[in-house]
Amino acid sequence: MATNWLCGLAAAALCYGLGAGVPATAQDYPSKPIKIIVPAGAGGPNDVPARLASQILSPKLGQPVIIENRPGAGGAIGVREVAKAAPDGHTLLSAGGAQLAVLPAMASSAGYDPTRDLAPIVKFMDGFQILVVHPSAPWTSVKELVDDARANPGKLNFAHVGNGHLTHLAGEMLMSRTGTKIVGIPYRSGGESVTAVLSHAVHMTFENVAILIPLIREGKLRALAVTSRSRATLAPDLPTMIEAGVLDYEVTTFFGMLAPGATPRRLVDTLNATLREQLSTPDMQETILRLGGIPAAGSPEQFAATIAGDLAKWRALGRDANIKID
């Protein structure tokens, strides 16, 4: 996937070098304000990279940066808008795993292929979840919970935020990896899911670290494991799901910046270098950690590989668990 994207960029760069209407050199860029499309409502996690990017790009490149929220169709509307925009570096996308991997993997109506229609610039951060239960629950480890679920199929349940949401996929992957049957119960938000655990309405949930850490520290929730492959800086004492005995379990997401697929590589490199330099500073990395993320700035190729890997993972789970978002 990543190789195909790089070949496409090379071909596009050749075409535009022959005069297809984009700046001839990176020094000519940007020639007007930069617009960042966020394929979700204001205030959500996709807003974070957009606002961080605006603080970096505007002073560094000397042009205003405008953030526009384009929610709808699970994020597909905003992604399609960027995919069809002029590939001149003036329209960018701030998106995450939900729009770049889960939706195109499980929804035939997504209407875009992120490996073809978008050019990854830089990944800002990775994100993960924590599996939590009520402190009065009988399980003090993932093994105890899984043993109970195996012995009593359909007895246990978990809260999630809708079909295809990462909190839903986390539960589906737990069942897939352990051969258990746990009932998923949808709620309208992560806050409602957590409240359902606090009030004993459900047995467990997977939710974002930023929401859960305060409740865990106050003793209102019991944390069993993190869904990342490595232990988390914010919760170093918690085992990963793999360490807890669930083989090949990893449910993470990511957030980053992209451009239309035919954007010349020289413009991608300009944006990557500008953003990556600032994202690698200690202050910015501390900011990302406080937001519950894991700093992950790297090359466009590394970001492309992340997208391709998650697409493959979610396609496999969607097929095996018969999950469809349409």
Foldseek 3Di string as FASTA:
>chain_A
DLVVLVVLQVVLQVVVCVPPPADNALVPPPPAEAEEEEQADPPDPLVVQLVLLQVQCCVVRVYHYHYDYRYDPQSLVRVVVQLPDDLHRRYKYKDKCSLLAQCVLFAPPSPDHCSAFWFFQKFFFKFWWFKKAFLPDPDQAPVVVLVVQAVPAAPAEAEDADFSDLFVVLVLLLCVQRVGHYHYDHDNDPVVRVVCRLVVVHGITIDTPLVCVVCVVVNRIRTHAMQAPAADPSCNPHHHVVVRPRPPGHRMMTIGMIGTSSRHVSSSNVSLVSSLVVSPDPVNQVVQVNVRTHGDTDGSSVVSVVSVVSNVVSSVSCVVVVGHDD
